[in-house]
Amino acid sequence: MAGRHKISIWFIIGSLLLIYGVIIFISNVYEWFFPSQTRTIVLGELHFGVWWGALLIIIGLIYFIAFRPWKKSVA
């Protein structure tokens, strides 16, 4: 089976974390600048969703880069 590339499950997990992180980050930045008037959230001024999205982006990028299938092998 020459020419077939295997994709690590960690690359897929990193891709998902990256995508979810971007979605959470963008939606919460929007909520930060245009807050909803109908609901009040305890400790909402901390904007936890922005920080959580940024953390997912960082972790996703680490896995995405470390396990990318197109990197050159060291062998």
C-alpha atoms as a PDB file:
ATOM      1  CA  MET A   1       0.000   0.000   0.000  1.00  0.00           C
ATOM      2  CA  ALA A   2       2.594   2.512  -1.092  1.00  0.00           C
ATOM      3  CA  GLY A   3       1.567   6.131  -1.212  1.00  0.00           C
ATOM      4  CA  ARG A   4      -1.094   5.926   1.514  1.00  0.00           C
ATOM      5  CA  HIS A   5      -0.798   8.391   4.340  1.00  0.00           C
ATOM      6  CA  LYS A   6      -2.076   7.708   7.806  1.00  0.00           C
ATOM      7  CA  ILE A   7      -3.717  10.535   9.688  1.00  0.00           C
ATOM      8  CA  SER A   8      -3.248  10.543  13.437  1.00  0.00           C
ATOM      9  CA  ILE A   9      -6.346  10.721  15.604  1.00  0.00           C
ATOM     10  CA  TRP A  10      -4.591  13.537  17.496  1.00  0.00           C
ATOM     11  CA  PHE A  11      -4.499  15.608  14.316  1.00  0.00           C
ATOM     12  CA  ILE A  12      -8.264  15.180  13.968  1.00  0.00           C
ATOM     13  CA  ILE A  13      -8.810  16.044  17.643  1.00  0.00           C
ATOM     14  CA  GLY A  14      -6.603  19.110  17.248  1.00  0.00           C
ATOM     15  CA  SER A  15      -8.586  20.174  14.191  1.00  0.00           C
ATOM     16  CA  LEU A  16     -11.869  19.829  16.076  1.00  0.00           C
ATOM     17  CA  LEU A  17     -10.553  21.739  19.089  1.00  0.00           C
ATOM     18  CA  LEU A  18      -9.328  24.472  16.766  1.00  0.00           C
ATOM     19  CA  ILE A  19     -12.662  24.740  14.963  1.00  0.00           C
ATOM     20  CA  TYR A  20     -14.696  24.713  18.191  1.00  0.00           C
ATOM     21  CA  GLY A  21     -12.342  27.232  19.756  1.00  0.00           C
ATOM     22  CA  VAL A  22     -12.750  29.643  16.848  1.00  0.00           C
ATOM     23  CA  ILE A  23     -16.548  29.309  16.948  1.00  0.00           C
ATOM     24  CA  ILE A  24     -16.735  29.834  20.724  1.00  0.00           C
ATOM     25  CA  PHE A  25     -14.255  32.705  20.622  1.00  0.00           C
ATOM     26  CA  ILE A  26     -15.987  34.595  17.805  1.00  0.00           C
ATOM     27  CA  SER A  27     -19.476  34.138  19.234  1.00  0.00           C
ATOM     28  CA  ASN A  28     -18.392  35.341  22.672  1.00  0.00           C
ATOM     29  CA  VAL A  29     -16.441  38.314  21.341  1.00  0.00           C
ATOM     30  CA  TYR A  30     -19.634  39.307  19.541  1.00  0.00           C
ATOM     31  CA  GLU A  31     -21.553  38.872  22.802  1.00  0.00           C
ATOM     32  CA  TRP A  32     -18.938  41.001  24.568  1.00  0.00           C
ATOM     33  CA  PHE A  33     -19.438  43.960  22.201  1.00  0.00           C
ATOM     34  CA  PHE A  34     -23.199  43.514  21.746  1.00  0.00           C
ATOM     35  CA  PRO A  35     -24.476  42.177  25.086  1.00  0.00           C
ATOM     36  CA  SER A  36     -27.939  40.683  25.372  1.00  0.00           C
ATOM     37  CA  GLN A  37     -30.362  42.788  27.389  1.00  0.00           C
ATOM     38  CA  THR A  38     -32.685  39.913  28.324  1.00  0.00           C
ATOM     39  CA  ARG A  39     -30.482  37.751  30.531  1.00  0.00           C
ATOM     40  CA  THR A  40     -28.065  38.301  33.343  1.00  0.00           C
ATOM     41  CA  ILE A  41     -25.235  35.869  33.954  1.00  0.00           C
ATOM     42  CA  VAL A  42     -23.464  35.578  37.273  1.00  0.00           C
ATOM     43  CA  LEU A  43     -19.875  36.793  36.818  1.00  0.00           C
ATOM     44  CA  GLY A  44     -20.675  37.593  33.187  1.00  0.00           C
ATOM     45  CA  GLU A  45     -18.192  40.456  33.250  1.00  0.00           C
ATOM     46  CA  LEU A  46     -15.361  37.893  33.229  1.00  0.00           C
ATOM     47  CA  HIS A  47     -16.309  36.833  29.667  1.00  0.00           C
ATOM     48  CA  PHE A  48     -15.399  33.211  30.304  1.00  0.00           C
ATOM     49  CA  GLY A  49     -16.375  32.148  26.778  1.00  0.00           C
ATOM     50  CA  VAL A  50     -13.665  34.340  25.253  1.00  0.00           C
ATOM     51  CA  TRP A  51     -11.012  32.794  27.487  1.00  0.00           C
ATOM     52  CA  TRP A  52     -12.326  29.264  26.926  1.00  0.00           C
ATOM     53  CA  GLY A  53     -12.336  29.773  23.161  1.00  0.00           C
ATOM     54  CA  ALA A  54      -8.779  31.127  23.252  1.00  0.00           C
ATOM     55  CA  LEU A  55      -7.637  28.140  25.317  1.00  0.00           C
ATOM     56  CA  LEU A  56      -9.220  25.704  22.857  1.00  0.00           C
ATOM     57  CA  ILE A  57      -7.538  27.527  19.964  1.00  0.00           C
ATOM     58  CA  ILE A  58      -4.123  27.262  21.634  1.00  0.00           C
ATOM     59  CA  ILE A  59      -4.514  23.574  22.507  1.00  0.00           C
ATOM     60  CA  GLY A  60      -5.954  22.824  19.054  1.00  0.00           C
ATOM     61  CA  LEU A  61      -3.034  24.566  17.344  1.00  0.00           C
ATOM     62  CA  ILE A  62      -0.531  22.590  19.397  1.00  0.00           C
ATOM     63  CA  TYR A  63      -2.097  19.268  18.389  1.00  0.00           C
ATOM     64  CA  PHE A  64      -2.722  20.435  14.808  1.00  0.00           C
ATOM     65  CA  ILE A  65       0.930  21.404  14.287  1.00  0.00           C
ATOM     66  CA  ALA A  66       2.506  18.556  16.268  1.00  0.00           C
ATOM     67  CA  PHE A  67       0.599  15.768  14.488  1.00  0.00           C
ATOM     68  CA  ARG A  68       0.171  17.236  10.994  1.00  0.00           C
ATOM     69  CA  PRO A  69       0.331  14.496   8.359  1.00  0.00           C
ATOM     70  CA  TRP A  70       2.433  16.503   5.888  1.00  0.00           C
ATOM     71  CA  LYS A  71       5.436  17.081   8.182  1.00  0.00           C
ATOM     72  CA  LYS A  72       8.724  15.547   7.219  1.00  0.00           C
ATOM     73  CA  SER A  73       9.758  12.509   9.214  1.00  0.00           C
ATOM     74  CA  VAL A  74      12.985  12.631  11.194  1.00  0.00           C
ATOM     75  CA  ALA A  75      13.985   9.071  10.246  1.00  0.00           C
END
